[in-house]
N, C-alpha and C. Protein backbone atom coordinates (compact mmCIF):
# COMPACT_ATOMS: atom_id res chain seq x y z
N PRO A 1 0.73 -1.09 0.03
CA PRO A 1 0.03 0.05 -0.10
C PRO A 1 0.86 1.27 -0.05
N LYS A 2 0.34 2.32 -0.70
CA LYS A 2 1.06 3.49 -0.69
C LYS A 2 0.83 4.41 0.54
N ALA A 3 -0.16 4.20 1.18
CA ALA A 3 -0.55 5.12 2.45
C ALA A 3 -0.81 4.01 3.57
N GLY A 4 -0.54 4.59 4.87
CA GLY A 4 -0.68 3.79 6.15
C GLY A 4 -2.11 3.56 6.37
N PRO A 5 -2.37 3.14 7.58
CA PRO A 5 -1.51 3.01 8.65
C PRO A 5 -0.48 1.95 8.35
N PHE A 6 0.81 2.00 8.79
CA PHE A 6 1.74 0.99 8.91
C PHE A 6 1.97 0.67 10.30
N ILE A 7 2.13 -0.74 10.48
CA ILE A 7 2.51 -1.10 11.81
C ILE A 7 3.85 -1.83 11.88
N ALA A 8 4.73 -1.47 12.81
CA ALA A 8 6.02 -2.08 13.01
C ALA A 8 6.14 -2.84 14.23
N ILE A 9 6.79 -3.83 14.27
CA ILE A 9 7.20 -4.56 15.43
C ILE A 9 8.67 -4.63 15.56
N ARG A 10 9.14 -4.95 16.85
CA ARG A 10 10.63 -5.08 16.93
C ARG A 10 10.94 -6.64 17.05
N GLU A 11 11.80 -7.18 16.38
CA GLU A 11 12.01 -8.55 16.46
C GLU A 11 13.49 -8.80 16.98
N PHE A 12 13.64 -9.94 17.55
CA PHE A 12 15.00 -10.22 18.17
C PHE A 12 15.33 -11.64 17.67
N VAL A 13 16.41 -11.90 17.40
CA VAL A 13 17.10 -13.17 17.03
C VAL A 13 17.35 -13.85 18.29
N LEU A 14 16.90 -15.13 18.42
CA LEU A 14 16.94 -15.95 19.76
C LEU A 14 16.99 -17.28 19.41
N SER A 15 17.97 -18.02 19.98
CA SER A 15 18.12 -19.52 19.73
C SER A 15 17.64 -20.10 21.03
N ARG A 16 16.82 -21.02 21.02
CA ARG A 16 16.38 -21.85 22.33
C ARG A 16 16.52 -23.29 21.99
N LYS A 17 16.95 -23.67 21.04
CA LYS A 17 17.08 -25.17 20.78
C LYS A 17 18.25 -25.36 20.03
N SER A 18 18.72 -26.62 20.26
CA SER A 18 19.81 -27.27 19.45
C SER A 18 19.37 -28.30 18.60
N LEU A 19 19.70 -28.31 17.36
CA LEU A 19 19.26 -29.52 16.47
C LEU A 19 20.36 -30.46 16.43
N GLY A 20 21.35 -30.51 17.23
CA GLY A 20 22.35 -31.59 17.08
C GLY A 20 22.89 -31.81 18.45
N GLY A 21 24.10 -32.21 18.80
CA GLY A 21 24.69 -32.49 19.92
C GLY A 21 25.82 -33.27 19.96
N ILE A 22 26.24 -33.72 21.11
CA ILE A 22 27.57 -34.59 21.18
C ILE A 22 26.97 -35.92 20.89
N GLN A 23 27.76 -36.82 20.06
CA GLN A 23 27.05 -38.23 19.78
C GLN A 23 27.47 -39.05 21.10
N THR A 24 26.59 -39.86 21.51
CA THR A 24 26.63 -40.74 22.56
C THR A 24 26.11 -42.16 22.16
N ASP A 25 26.43 -43.06 22.98
CA ASP A 25 26.00 -44.42 22.96
C ASP A 25 24.79 -44.67 23.86
N LEU A 26 24.25 -45.82 23.85
CA LEU A 26 23.07 -45.96 24.77
C LEU A 26 23.20 -45.86 26.40
N GLU A 27 24.63 -45.75 26.78
CA GLU A 27 24.88 -45.58 28.19
C GLU A 27 25.16 -44.10 28.38
N SER A 28 25.02 -43.17 27.47
CA SER A 28 25.14 -41.70 27.47
C SER A 28 26.75 -41.41 27.37
N ARG A 29 27.56 -42.43 26.91
CA ARG A 29 29.08 -41.95 26.97
C ARG A 29 29.34 -41.46 25.71
N VAL A 30 30.04 -40.36 25.62
CA VAL A 30 30.52 -39.74 24.45
C VAL A 30 31.28 -40.55 23.54
N LEU A 31 31.07 -40.36 22.37
CA LEU A 31 31.76 -41.13 21.23
C LEU A 31 32.77 -40.33 20.45
N THR A 32 33.99 -41.05 20.02
CA THR A 32 34.79 -40.27 19.21
C THR A 32 34.26 -40.03 17.72
N HIS A 33 34.93 -39.27 16.99
CA HIS A 33 34.62 -39.28 15.58
C HIS A 33 34.83 -40.63 14.88
N PRO A 34 33.94 -40.89 13.93
CA PRO A 34 34.29 -42.18 13.24
C PRO A 34 35.62 -42.29 12.70
N ASP A 35 36.34 -43.51 12.80
CA ASP A 35 37.62 -43.64 11.88
C ASP A 35 37.38 -43.94 10.59
N ALA A 36 38.44 -44.22 9.98
CA ALA A 36 38.27 -44.54 8.43
C ALA A 36 37.26 -45.85 8.08
N ALA A 37 37.20 -46.71 9.17
CA ALA A 37 36.14 -47.80 8.84
C ALA A 37 34.87 -47.42 9.45
N GLY A 38 34.65 -46.09 9.80
CA GLY A 38 33.23 -45.75 10.39
C GLY A 38 32.98 -46.06 11.68
N GLN A 39 33.94 -46.72 12.51
CA GLN A 39 33.62 -47.09 13.85
C GLN A 39 33.90 -46.00 14.76
N GLN A 40 33.04 -45.88 15.80
CA GLN A 40 33.40 -45.11 16.85
C GLN A 40 33.53 -45.74 18.30
N GLN A 41 34.47 -45.12 19.08
CA GLN A 41 34.69 -45.65 20.47
C GLN A 41 34.21 -44.73 21.51
N ALA A 42 33.68 -45.36 22.68
CA ALA A 42 33.34 -44.57 23.80
C ALA A 42 34.65 -43.85 24.39
N ILE A 43 34.50 -42.60 24.81
CA ILE A 43 35.71 -42.01 25.49
C ILE A 43 35.61 -42.17 26.95
N PRO A 44 36.37 -42.97 27.50
CA PRO A 44 36.36 -43.51 29.02
C PRO A 44 36.10 -42.13 29.97
N GLY A 45 34.94 -42.26 30.78
CA GLY A 45 34.77 -41.37 31.69
C GLY A 45 34.17 -40.04 31.40
N LEU A 46 33.74 -39.93 29.99
CA LEU A 46 33.04 -38.77 29.47
C LEU A 46 31.77 -39.21 29.02
N TYR A 47 30.70 -38.37 29.56
CA TYR A 47 29.31 -38.54 29.43
C TYR A 47 28.69 -37.22 28.91
N ALA A 48 27.66 -37.50 28.15
CA ALA A 48 26.89 -36.26 27.71
C ALA A 48 25.48 -36.48 27.91
N VAL A 49 24.62 -35.69 28.56
CA VAL A 49 23.25 -35.76 28.71
C VAL A 49 22.49 -34.73 28.42
N GLY A 50 20.99 -34.87 28.22
CA GLY A 50 20.19 -33.78 28.03
C GLY A 50 20.41 -33.04 26.72
N GLU A 51 20.27 -31.75 26.77
CA GLU A 51 20.36 -30.84 25.61
C GLU A 51 21.80 -30.95 24.92
N ALA A 52 22.88 -31.36 25.79
CA ALA A 52 24.23 -31.42 25.18
C ALA A 52 24.22 -32.77 24.22
N ALA A 53 23.41 -33.70 24.53
CA ALA A 53 23.38 -34.85 23.71
C ALA A 53 22.34 -34.77 22.69
N GLY A 54 21.79 -33.50 22.41
CA GLY A 54 20.94 -33.18 21.27
C GLY A 54 19.49 -33.49 21.51
N PHE A 55 19.04 -33.22 22.75
CA PHE A 55 17.63 -33.22 23.19
C PHE A 55 16.95 -31.97 22.92
N GLY A 56 17.59 -30.91 22.68
CA GLY A 56 16.93 -29.58 22.59
C GLY A 56 16.23 -29.30 21.31
N GLY A 57 15.46 -30.14 20.89
CA GLY A 57 14.58 -29.93 19.61
C GLY A 57 14.99 -30.95 18.57
N GLY A 58 16.12 -31.57 18.53
CA GLY A 58 16.49 -32.58 17.56
C GLY A 58 16.17 -33.99 18.13
N GLY A 59 15.74 -34.05 19.26
CA GLY A 59 15.44 -35.40 19.95
C GLY A 59 14.16 -35.97 19.43
N MET A 60 13.50 -36.74 20.20
CA MET A 60 12.39 -37.33 19.78
C MET A 60 11.23 -36.65 19.72
N HIS A 61 11.03 -35.37 20.23
CA HIS A 61 10.01 -34.27 20.09
C HIS A 61 10.14 -33.54 18.75
N GLY A 62 11.17 -33.39 18.10
CA GLY A 62 11.37 -32.86 16.76
C GLY A 62 11.58 -31.36 17.09
N TYR A 63 11.68 -30.69 15.81
CA TYR A 63 12.15 -29.43 15.62
C TYR A 63 11.16 -28.49 16.29
N ARG A 64 9.78 -28.70 16.26
CA ARG A 64 8.65 -27.81 16.71
C ARG A 64 8.27 -28.08 18.09
N SER A 65 9.05 -28.69 18.92
CA SER A 65 8.66 -29.14 20.47
C SER A 65 8.57 -27.75 21.06
N LEU A 66 7.76 -27.96 21.93
CA LEU A 66 7.47 -26.63 22.79
C LEU A 66 8.41 -26.83 24.09
N GLU A 67 8.68 -25.49 24.64
CA GLU A 67 9.58 -25.54 25.73
C GLU A 67 9.20 -26.54 26.85
N GLY A 68 10.10 -27.08 27.35
CA GLY A 68 9.72 -28.04 28.53
C GLY A 68 9.45 -29.44 28.15
N THR A 69 9.05 -29.58 26.76
CA THR A 69 8.50 -31.01 26.46
C THR A 69 9.60 -32.07 26.29
N PHE A 70 10.93 -31.55 26.05
CA PHE A 70 12.01 -32.35 25.94
C PHE A 70 12.70 -32.89 27.32
N LEU A 71 12.18 -32.15 28.39
CA LEU A 71 12.77 -32.42 29.79
C LEU A 71 12.81 -34.01 30.19
N GLY A 72 11.80 -34.61 29.75
CA GLY A 72 11.78 -36.16 30.08
C GLY A 72 12.93 -36.65 29.29
N GLY A 73 13.32 -36.43 28.16
CA GLY A 73 14.67 -37.00 27.52
C GLY A 73 15.82 -36.66 28.45
N CYS A 74 15.87 -35.30 28.99
CA CYS A 74 16.96 -34.93 29.62
C CYS A 74 17.09 -35.61 31.09
N VAL A 75 15.98 -36.07 31.65
CA VAL A 75 16.06 -36.69 32.84
C VAL A 75 16.51 -38.06 32.74
N ILE A 76 15.98 -38.78 31.47
CA ILE A 76 16.08 -40.22 31.22
C ILE A 76 17.68 -40.44 30.89
N THR A 77 18.28 -39.53 30.12
CA THR A 77 19.70 -39.58 29.70
C THR A 77 20.39 -39.47 30.98
N ALA A 78 20.13 -38.50 31.74
CA ALA A 78 21.11 -38.32 32.96
C ALA A 78 20.94 -39.52 33.78
N ARG A 79 19.81 -40.12 33.99
CA ARG A 79 19.57 -41.31 34.80
C ARG A 79 20.33 -42.46 34.22
N THR A 80 20.48 -42.59 32.96
CA THR A 80 21.07 -43.60 32.20
C THR A 80 22.50 -43.43 32.50
N ALA A 81 23.11 -42.24 32.44
CA ALA A 81 24.51 -41.87 32.61
C ALA A 81 24.87 -42.25 33.90
N GLY A 82 24.08 -41.89 34.93
CA GLY A 82 24.29 -42.11 36.41
C GLY A 82 24.43 -43.44 36.67
N ARG A 83 23.61 -44.35 36.12
CA ARG A 83 23.58 -46.02 36.19
C ARG A 83 24.77 -46.38 35.53
N SER A 84 25.07 -45.89 34.59
CA SER A 84 26.26 -46.32 33.88
C SER A 84 27.77 -46.21 34.69
N ILE A 85 27.65 -44.94 35.33
CA ILE A 85 28.83 -44.52 36.16
C ILE A 85 28.80 -45.43 37.47
N VAL A 86 27.79 -45.59 37.95
CA VAL A 86 27.64 -46.23 39.31
C VAL A 86 28.07 -47.85 38.90
N GLY A 87 27.64 -48.42 38.00
CA GLY A 87 27.92 -49.73 37.38
C GLY A 87 29.30 -49.92 37.17
N ARG A 88 30.07 -48.91 36.67
CA ARG A 88 31.52 -49.00 36.33
C ARG A 88 32.17 -49.07 37.65
N LYS A 89 31.86 -48.23 38.61
CA LYS A 89 32.42 -47.96 39.92
C LYS A 89 32.30 -49.46 40.81
N LEU A 90 31.26 -50.15 40.55
CA LEU A 90 30.97 -51.38 41.40
C LEU A 90 31.72 -52.57 40.69
N GLU A 91 32.20 -52.48 39.52
CA GLU A 91 33.13 -53.51 38.67
C GLU A 91 34.46 -53.59 39.22
C-alpha cells in the first residue's frame, strides 16, 4: 500500500534449541569421531546428557517441540549416565 497506517514490530534473534549435539551411545558415553572404517569408540569417563546430547529440539519431540517437552529426555539420559557410572564403579 502507498498509504498507512503502517504497523511495525521489533524482532529479536533468539536461539532456544539445538538441532544437534554430542554423539553418545546408549549409556550416554561420548563417542569419538568415526575412524576410516566408520567405527566410533566411547571416550572413557566422558558422558553427555540432555540438551548437550541433542535433546533440545532434535530429539524425539522434533524441531517444533514446545519448551519443556524435552525435559523427560534430559532426565532419562541423566539417569542412564548415572547408572552407567555407578555400574562401572562397582566393577
